[in-house]
Structure formats: structure tokens, C-alpha cells
PDB file of N, CA and C in Angstrom:
ATOM      1  N   MET A   1      -2.964  -0.764   7.406  1.00  0.00           N
ATOM      2  CA  MET A   1      -3.566  -0.185   6.553  1.00  0.00           C
ATOM      3  C   MET A   1      -3.116   0.220   4.595  1.00  0.00           C
ATOM      4  N   SER A   2      -3.871   0.687   4.097  1.00  0.00           N
ATOM      5  CA  SER A   2      -3.518   0.539   2.860  1.00  0.00           C
ATOM      6  C   SER A   2      -2.704   2.033   2.480  1.00  0.00           C
ATOM      7  N   ALA A   3      -2.082   2.034   1.383  1.00  0.00           N
ATOM      8  CA  ALA A   3      -1.763   3.131   1.254  1.00  0.00           C
ATOM      9  C   ALA A   3      -2.772   4.886   0.902  1.00  0.00           C
ATOM     10  N   LYS A   4      -3.968   3.468   0.241  1.00  0.00           N
ATOM     11  CA  LYS A   4      -5.038   4.801  -0.200  1.00  0.00           C
ATOM     12  C   LYS A   4      -6.007   5.423   1.025  1.00  0.00           C
ATOM     13  N   LYS A   5      -6.591   6.295   0.832  1.00  0.00           N
ATOM     14  CA  LYS A   5      -7.033   6.574   2.111  1.00  0.00           C
ATOM     15  C   LYS A   5      -8.690   5.896   2.533  1.00  0.00           C
ATOM     16  N   GLN A   6      -8.530   5.654   3.376  1.00  0.00           N
ATOM     17  CA  GLN A   6      -9.876   4.534   3.299  1.00  0.00           C
ATOM     18  C   GLN A   6     -10.631   5.811   3.655  1.00  0.00           C
ATOM     19  N   THR A   7     -12.320   5.279   3.144  1.00  0.00           N
ATOM     20  CA  THR A   7     -13.221   5.814   3.272  1.00  0.00           C
ATOM     21  C   THR A   7     -13.658   5.118   4.322  1.00  0.00           C
ATOM     22  N   PHE A   8     -14.796   6.065   4.339  1.00  0.00           N
ATOM     23  CA  PHE A   8     -16.052   6.196   6.198  1.00  0.00           C
ATOM     24  C   PHE A   8     -16.371   4.475   6.152  1.00  0.00           C
ATOM     25  N   GLU A   9     -17.028   4.223   5.042  1.00  0.00           N
ATOM     26  CA  GLU A   9     -17.507   2.771   5.343  1.00  0.00           C
ATOM     27  C   GLU A   9     -16.352   1.581   5.759  1.00  0.00           C
ATOM     28  N   GLU A  10     -15.419   2.344   5.349  1.00  0.00           N
ATOM     29  CA  GLU A  10     -13.821   0.596   4.878  1.00  0.00           C
ATOM     30  C   GLU A  10     -13.499   1.111   6.269  1.00  0.00           C
ATOM     31  N   LYS A  11     -13.264   2.195   7.134  1.00  0.00           N
ATOM     32  CA  LYS A  11     -13.099   2.893   8.761  1.00  0.00           C
ATOM     33  C   LYS A  11     -13.703   2.069   9.901  1.00  0.00           C
ATOM     34  N   LEU A  12     -15.388   1.312   9.302  1.00  0.00           N
ATOM     35  CA  LEU A  12     -15.863   1.237  10.220  1.00  0.00           C
ATOM     36  C   LEU A  12     -16.072  -0.255  10.308  1.00  0.00           C
ATOM     37  N   LEU A  13     -15.772  -0.989   8.775  1.00  0.00           N
ATOM     38  CA  LEU A  13     -16.487  -2.214   8.525  1.00  0.00           C
ATOM     39  C   LEU A  13     -14.338  -2.415   9.884  1.00  0.00           C
ATOM     40  N   ARG A  14     -13.256  -2.469   9.279  1.00  0.00           N
ATOM     41  CA  ARG A  14     -12.259  -1.687   9.735  1.00  0.00           C
ATOM     42  C   ARG A  14     -12.651  -2.278  11.288  1.00  0.00           C
ATOM     43  N   LEU A  15     -12.883  -1.148  11.966  1.00  0.00           N
ATOM     44  CA  LEU A  15     -13.154  -0.698  13.399  1.00  0.00           C
ATOM     45  C   LEU A  15     -14.037  -1.819  13.647  1.00  0.00           C
ATOM     46  N   GLU A  16     -15.054  -2.167  13.106  1.00  0.00           N
ATOM     47  CA  GLU A  16     -15.780  -3.261  13.275  1.00  0.00           C
ATOM     48  C   GLU A  16     -14.863  -4.953  13.673  1.00  0.00           C
ATOM     49  N   GLU A  17     -14.024  -5.439  12.845  1.00  0.00           N
ATOM     50  CA  GLU A  17     -12.916  -6.627  12.912  1.00  0.00           C
ATOM     51  C   GLU A  17     -12.139  -6.307  14.535  1.00  0.00           C
ATOM     52  N   ILE A  18     -11.398  -5.445  14.684  1.00  0.00           N
ATOM     53  CA  ILE A  18     -10.665  -5.407  15.022  1.00  0.00           C
ATOM     54  C   ILE A  18     -11.751  -5.539  17.135  1.00  0.00           C
ATOM     55  N   VAL A  19     -12.971  -4.611  16.753  1.00  0.00           N
ATOM     56  CA  VAL A  19     -14.169  -4.887  18.428  1.00  0.00           C
ATOM     57  C   VAL A  19     -14.218  -6.166  18.143  1.00  0.00           C
ATOM     58  N   ALA A  20     -14.329  -7.367  17.212  1.00  0.00           N
ATOM     59  CA  ALA A  20     -14.234  -8.866  17.357  1.00  0.00           C
ATOM     60  C   ALA A  20     -13.181  -9.226  17.484  1.00  0.00           C
ATOM     61  N   ALA A  21     -12.438  -9.001  17.351  1.00  0.00           N
ATOM     62  CA  ALA A  21     -11.082  -9.677  17.746  1.00  0.00           C
ATOM     63  C   ALA A  21     -10.409  -9.685  18.974  1.00  0.00           C
ATOM     64  N   LEU A  22     -11.371  -8.320  19.843  1.00  0.00           N
ATOM     65  CA  LEU A  22     -10.801  -7.803  21.341  1.00  0.00           C
ATOM     66  C   LEU A  22     -11.461  -8.516  22.389  1.00  0.00           C
ATOM     67  N   GLU A  23     -12.931  -8.603  21.267  1.00  0.00           N
ATOM     68  CA  GLU A  23     -13.930  -9.452  22.077  1.00  0.00           C
ATOM     69  C   GLU A  23     -14.378 -10.337  22.233  1.00  0.00           C
ATOM     70  N   LYS A  24     -12.988 -11.118  21.754  1.00  0.00           N
ATOM     71  CA  LYS A  24     -13.247 -13.018  21.708  1.00  0.00           C
ATOM     72  C   LYS A  24     -11.696 -13.011  22.729  1.00  0.00           C
ATOM     73  N   GLY A  25     -11.131 -12.238  22.065  1.00  0.00           N
ATOM     74  CA  GLY A  25      -9.986 -12.403  23.747  1.00  0.00           C
ATOM     75  C   GLY A  25      -9.164 -13.165  23.269  1.00  0.00           C
ATOM     76  N   ASP A  26      -8.492 -13.860  22.564  1.00  0.00           N
ATOM     77  CA  ASP A  26      -7.260 -14.497  22.551  1.00  0.00           C
ATOM     78  C   ASP A  26      -6.700 -13.836  21.370  1.00  0.00           C
ATOM     79  N   VAL A  27      -6.295 -12.619  21.460  1.00  0.00           N
ATOM     80  CA  VAL A  27      -5.281 -11.757  21.761  1.00  0.00           C
ATOM     81  C   VAL A  27      -4.473 -11.043  22.380  1.00  0.00           C
ATOM     82  N   GLN A  28      -3.398 -11.328  21.789  1.00  0.00           N
ATOM     83  CA  GLN A  28      -2.168 -11.007  23.203  1.00  0.00           C
ATOM     84  C   GLN A  28      -1.799  -9.968  24.360  1.00  0.00           C
ATOM     85  N   LEU A  29      -1.261  -9.708  24.699  1.00  0.00           N
ATOM     86  CA  LEU A  29      -1.742  -7.877  25.416  1.00  0.00           C
ATOM     87  C   LEU A  29      -1.372  -7.530  24.635  1.00  0.00           C
ATOM     88  N   ALA A  30       0.214  -6.799  23.713  1.00  0.00           N
ATOM     89  CA  ALA A  30       0.850  -6.178  23.333  1.00  0.00           C
ATOM     90  C   ALA A  30      -0.080  -6.159  21.451  1.00  0.00           C
ATOM     91  N   ASP A  31      -1.095  -7.134  21.219  1.00  0.00           N
ATOM     92  CA  ASP A  31      -1.136  -7.299  20.554  1.00  0.00           C
ATOM     93  C   ASP A  31      -2.620  -5.988  20.307  1.00  0.00           C
ATOM     94  N   SER A  32      -3.303  -6.292  21.595  1.00  0.00           N
ATOM     95  CA  SER A  32      -4.586  -5.605  21.802  1.00  0.00           C
ATOM     96  C   SER A  32      -4.509  -4.575  22.086  1.00  0.00           C
ATOM     97  N   LEU A  33      -3.119  -4.174  22.596  1.00  0.00           N
ATOM     98  CA  LEU A  33      -2.332  -2.341  22.894  1.00  0.00           C
ATOM     99  C   LEU A  33      -2.973  -1.931  21.041  1.00  0.00           C
ATOM    100  N   ALA A  34      -2.053  -2.302  20.068  1.00  0.00           N
ATOM    101  CA  ALA A  34      -1.796  -1.739  19.024  1.00  0.00           C
ATOM    102  C   ALA A  34      -3.679  -1.822  18.523  1.00  0.00           C
ATOM    103  N   LEU A  35      -4.420  -2.913  18.833  1.00  0.00           N
ATOM    104  CA  LEU A  35      -5.423  -3.397  18.119  1.00  0.00           C
ATOM    105  C   LEU A  35      -6.445  -1.929  18.813  1.00  0.00           C
ATOM    106  N   PHE A  36      -6.169  -1.891  19.896  1.00  0.00           N
ATOM    107  CA  PHE A  36      -6.903  -0.255  20.935  1.00  0.00           C
ATOM    108  C   PHE A  36      -6.342   1.014  20.126  1.00  0.00           C
ATOM    109  N   GLN A  37      -5.749   1.100  20.257  1.00  0.00           N
ATOM    110  CA  GLN A  37      -5.020   2.205  19.589  1.00  0.00           C
ATOM    111  C   GLN A  37      -5.566   2.532  18.262  1.00  0.00           C
ATOM    112  N   GLU A  38      -5.103   1.897  16.899  1.00  0.00           N
ATOM    113  CA  GLU A  38      -5.759   1.425  16.179  1.00  0.00           C
ATOM    114  C   GLU A  38      -7.451   2.175  15.654  1.00  0.00           C
ATOM    115  N   GLY A  39      -8.522   1.193  16.893  1.00  0.00           N
ATOM    116  CA  GLY A  39      -9.256   1.039  16.659  1.00  0.00           C
ATOM    117  C   GLY A  39      -9.647   3.150  17.343  1.00  0.00           C
ATOM    118  N   ALA A  40      -9.069   3.390  17.914  1.00  0.00           N
ATOM    119  CA  ALA A  40      -9.376   4.928  19.013  1.00  0.00           C
ATOM    120  C   ALA A  40      -9.039   5.720  17.166  1.00  0.00           C
ATOM    121  N   LYS A  41      -8.236   5.503  16.883  1.00  0.00           N
ATOM    122  CA  LYS A  41      -7.642   6.618  15.579  1.00  0.00           C
ATOM    123  C   LYS A  41      -8.659   6.435  14.532  1.00  0.00           C
ATOM    124  N   LEU A  42      -9.195   4.960  14.742  1.00  0.00           N
ATOM    125  CA  LEU A  42     -10.358   5.232  13.325  1.00  0.00           C
ATOM    126  C   LEU A  42     -11.704   5.832  14.372  1.00  0.00           C
ATOM    127  N   ILE A  43     -12.167   5.980  15.206  1.00  0.00           N
ATOM    128  CA  ILE A  43     -13.259   6.556  15.969  1.00  0.00           C
ATOM    129  C   ILE A  43     -12.908   8.240  15.784  1.00  0.00           C
ATOM    130  N   SER A  44     -11.980   8.770  16.533  1.00  0.00           N
ATOM    131  CA  SER A  44     -11.399  10.057  16.029  1.00  0.00           C
ATOM    132  C   SER A  44     -12.163  10.134  14.263  1.00  0.00           C
ATOM    133  N   ALA A  45     -11.519   9.331  13.927  1.00  0.00           N
ATOM    134  CA  ALA A  45     -11.094   9.853  12.103  1.00  0.00           C
ATOM    135  C   ALA A  45     -12.932   9.478  11.568  1.00  0.00           C
ATOM    136  N   CYS A  46     -12.844   8.725  12.250  1.00  0.00           N
ATOM    137  CA  CYS A  46     -14.615   8.660  11.800  1.00  0.00           C
ATOM    138  C   CYS A  46     -15.774   9.752  12.379  1.00  0.00           C
ATOM    139  N   SER A  47     -15.525  10.102  13.164  1.00  0.00           N
ATOM    140  CA  SER A  47     -16.027  11.280  13.944  1.00  0.00           C
ATOM    141  C   SER A  47     -15.762  12.552  13.588  1.00  0.00           C
ATOM    142  N   THR A  48     -14.373  12.938  13.187  1.00  0.00           N
ATOM    143  CA  THR A  48     -14.463  14.112  12.646  1.00  0.00           C
ATOM    144  C   THR A  48     -15.450  14.208  11.158  1.00  0.00           C
ATOM    145  N   GLN A  49     -14.876  12.688  10.322  1.00  0.00           N
ATOM    146  CA  GLN A  49     -16.155  12.861   9.193  1.00  0.00           C
ATOM    147  C   GLN A  49     -16.899  12.953   8.893  1.00  0.00           C
ATOM    148  N   LEU A  50     -18.047  12.207  10.466  1.00  0.00           N
ATOM    149  CA  LEU A  50     -19.363  12.857  10.707  1.00  0.00           C
ATOM    150  C   LEU A  50     -19.334  14.721  10.877  1.00  0.00           C
ATOM    151  N   ASP A  51     -19.047  15.031  11.925  1.00  0.00           N
ATOM    152  CA  ASP A  51     -19.274  16.022  12.136  1.00  0.00           C
ATOM    153  C   ASP A  51     -18.489  16.753  10.283  1.00  0.00           C
ATOM    154  N   GLN A  52     -17.613  16.714   9.820  1.00  0.00           N
ATOM    155  CA  GLN A  52     -17.706  17.664   8.062  1.00  0.00           C
ATOM    156  C   GLN A  52     -19.096  17.182   7.352  1.00  0.00           C
ATOM    157  N   ALA A  53     -19.537  15.945   7.603  1.00  0.00           N
ATOM    158  CA  ALA A  53     -20.899  15.869   6.933  1.00  0.00           C
ATOM    159  C   ALA A  53     -21.792  16.832   6.992  1.00  0.00           C
ATOM    160  N   GLU A  54     -21.875  16.826   8.609  1.00  0.00           N
ATOM    161  CA  GLU A  54     -23.370  17.626   8.775  1.00  0.00           C
ATOM    162  C   GLU A  54     -22.975  18.487   8.859  1.00  0.00           C
ATOM    163  N   GLN A  55     -21.883  19.574   9.186  1.00  0.00           N
ATOM    164  CA  GLN A  55     -21.578  21.305   8.457  1.00  0.00           C
ATOM    165  C   GLN A  55     -22.002  21.261   7.115  1.00  0.00           C
ATOM    166  N   GLN A  56     -21.976  20.517   6.636  1.00  0.00           N
ATOM    167  CA  GLN A  56     -21.806  20.438   4.702  1.00  0.00           C
ATOM    168  C   GLN A  56     -23.513  19.907   4.832  1.00  0.00           C
ATOM    169  N   VAL A  57     -24.915  19.535   5.877  1.00  0.00           N
ATOM    170  CA  VAL A  57     -25.816  19.502   5.169  1.00  0.00           C
ATOM    171  C   VAL A  57     -26.649  20.892   5.562  1.00  0.00           C
ATOM    172  N   VAL A  58     -25.641  21.279   7.161  1.00  0.00           N
ATOM    173  CA  VAL A  58     -26.002  22.890   7.724  1.00  0.00           C
ATOM    174  C   VAL A  58     -26.187  23.262   6.501  1.00  0.00           C
ATOM    175  N   LYS A  59     -25.400  23.366   5.822  1.00  0.00           N
ATOM    176  CA  LYS A  59     -24.772  24.772   4.807  1.00  0.00           C
ATOM    177  C   LYS A  59     -26.052  24.364   3.853  1.00  0.00           C
ATOM    178  N   LEU A  60     -26.104  23.208   3.545  1.00  0.00           N
ATOM    179  CA  LEU A  60     -27.640  22.431   2.690  1.00  0.00           C
ATOM    180  C   LEU A  60     -28.127  23.577   2.685  1.00  0.00           C
ATOM    181  N   MET A  61     -29.060  23.304   4.390  1.00  0.00           N
ATOM    182  CA  MET A  61     -30.057  23.268   4.184  1.00  0.00           C
ATOM    183  C   MET A  61     -30.435  25.349   4.649  1.00  0.00           C
ATOM    184  N   LYS A  62     -31.262  25.840   3.793  1.00  0.00           N
ATOM    185  CA  LYS A  62     -31.176  27.420   3.522  1.00  0.00           C
ATOM    186  C   LYS A  62     -32.826  27.533   4.043  1.00  0.00           C
ATOM    187  N   GLY A  63     -33.489  28.721   4.748  1.00  0.00           N
ATOM    188  CA  GLY A  63     -34.342  28.703   4.685  1.00  0.00           C
ATOM    189  C   GLY A  63     -34.909  30.135   3.826  1.00  0.00           C
ATOM    190  N   PRO A  64     -36.630  30.268   3.640  1.00  0.00           N
ATOM    191  CA  PRO A  64     -36.475  31.179   3.147  1.00  0.00           C
ATOM    192  C   PRO A  64     -35.053  32.585   2.601  1.00  0.00           C
ATOM    193  N   ASP A  65     -35.100  33.288   3.853  1.00  0.00           N
ATOM    194  CA  ASP A  65     -34.270  34.374   3.616  1.00  0.00           C
ATOM    195  C   ASP A  65     -33.320  34.204   2.693  1.00  0.00           C
ATOM    196  N   GLY A  66     -32.413  33.239   2.384  1.00  0.00           N
ATOM    197  CA  GLY A  66     -31.346  32.442   2.505  1.00  0.00           C
ATOM    198  C   GLY A  66     -30.302  32.211   3.153  1.00  0.00           C
ATOM    199  N   ALA A  67     -30.484  32.265   4.605  1.00  0.00           N
ATOM    200  CA  ALA A  67     -29.796  31.653   5.967  1.00  0.00           C
ATOM    201  C   ALA A  67     -29.325  30.387   6.294  1.00  0.00           C
ATOM    202  N   PRO A  68     -28.801  29.947   6.383  1.00  0.00           N
ATOM    203  CA  PRO A  68     -29.192  28.782   7.002  1.00  0.00           C
ATOM    204  C   PRO A  68     -29.486  28.008   8.007  1.00  0.00           C
ATOM    205  N   VAL A  69     -31.175  27.191   8.179  1.00  0.00           N
ATOM    206  CA  VAL A  69     -31.450  26.686   9.089  1.00  0.00           C
ATOM    207  C   VAL A  69     -31.038  25.506   9.125  1.00  0.00           C
ATOM    208  N   GLU A  70     -31.292  25.032  10.626  1.00  0.00           N
ATOM    209  CA  GLU A  70     -31.154  23.923  11.486  1.00  0.00           C
ATOM    210  C   GLU A  70     -31.850  23.106  11.526  1.00  0.00           C
ATOM    211  N   MET A  71     -32.413  22.032  10.934  1.00  0.00           N
ATOM    212  CA  MET A  71     -33.642  21.255  11.653  1.00  0.00           C
ATOM    213  C   MET A  71     -33.567  19.874  11.952  1.00  0.00           C
ATOM    214  N   PRO A  72     -34.201  19.247  12.912  1.00  0.00           N
ATOM    215  CA  PRO A  72     -33.896  18.154  13.138  1.00  0.00           C
ATOM    216  C   PRO A  72     -33.878  17.030  12.374  1.00  0.00           C
ATOM    217  N   PHE A  73     -33.310  16.262  11.904  1.00  0.00           N
ATOM    218  CA  PHE A  73     -33.172  15.043  10.922  1.00  0.00           C
ATOM    219  C   PHE A  73     -34.620  14.786  10.889  1.00  0.00           C
ATOM    220  N   GLY A  74     -35.391  14.969   9.747  1.00  0.00           N
ATOM    221  CA  GLY A  74     -36.734  13.625   8.917  1.00  0.00           C
ATOM    222  C   GLY A  74     -37.426  14.653   8.951  1.00  0.00           C
ATOM    223  N   GLU A  75     -37.167  15.698   9.675  1.00  0.00           N
ATOM    224  CA  GLU A  75     -37.909  16.892  10.020  1.00  0.00           C
ATOM    225  C   GLU A  75     -38.288  17.859   8.252  1.00  0.00           C
ATOM    226  N   GLY A  76     -39.016  17.865   7.321  1.00  0.00           N
ATOM    227  CA  GLY A  76     -39.549  18.219   6.166  1.00  0.00           C
ATOM    228  C   GLY A  76     -39.250  16.962   5.505  1.00  0.00           C
ATOM    229  N   GLU A  77     -39.373  15.925   5.337  1.00  0.00           N
ATOM    230  CA  GLU A  77     -39.410  15.069   4.960  1.00  0.00           C
ATOM    231  C   GLU A  77     -41.827  15.117   5.369  1.00  0.00           C
ATOM    232  N   GLU A  78     -41.961  14.280   3.616  1.00  0.00           N
ATOM    233  CA  GLU A  78     -43.441  14.788   3.633  1.00  0.00           C
ATOM    234  C   GLU A  78     -43.676  12.618   3.660  1.00  0.00           C
ATOM    235  N   GLY A  79     -44.729  12.622   4.330  1.00  0.00           N
ATOM    236  CA  GLY A  79     -44.827  10.911   4.796  1.00  0.00           C
ATOM    237  C   GLY A  79     -46.093  10.566   5.432  1.00  0.00           C
TER     238      GLY A  79
END
């Protein structure tokens, strides 16, 4: 991992690479364990980022009285 902070999309791309390598099955056991650990950390980081994004969306959605209102995704869209 580079010194710069990875974006969500970069983390997902790396996670896809890890899954592909593990599914291929030609990685040695020690390397597989290291990849698995890296993948677990990436999943945790992505989950945290998604939770933070969800909280921001909830804060941005306000009802008529100014209080936050949680609505299911897609509700309020015209179409």
C-alpha cells in the first residue's frame, strides 16, 4: 500500500485483486494468509467509509420542520 490514503474505489479494486488471487489457488499458504488479512482490513475500512457516507446522507435529508428524515433509497425520486 502506498503512503497516500487510498480512495474507496482503490480499496475495492485491491480487494478484487486479492479475491482473484485467492480464487486462482496458486498462492502459497503464508501468502494466502497475508492476502486474507489485507482483505479483511480493506473490508473493515470500506465498511467504515460506507457507514460514514450513510450518516452524511441522513444528515442532508431533512424534513419540513428541519429535522432529519430517513427515507429508503430511491424514495422521493421522480420518474
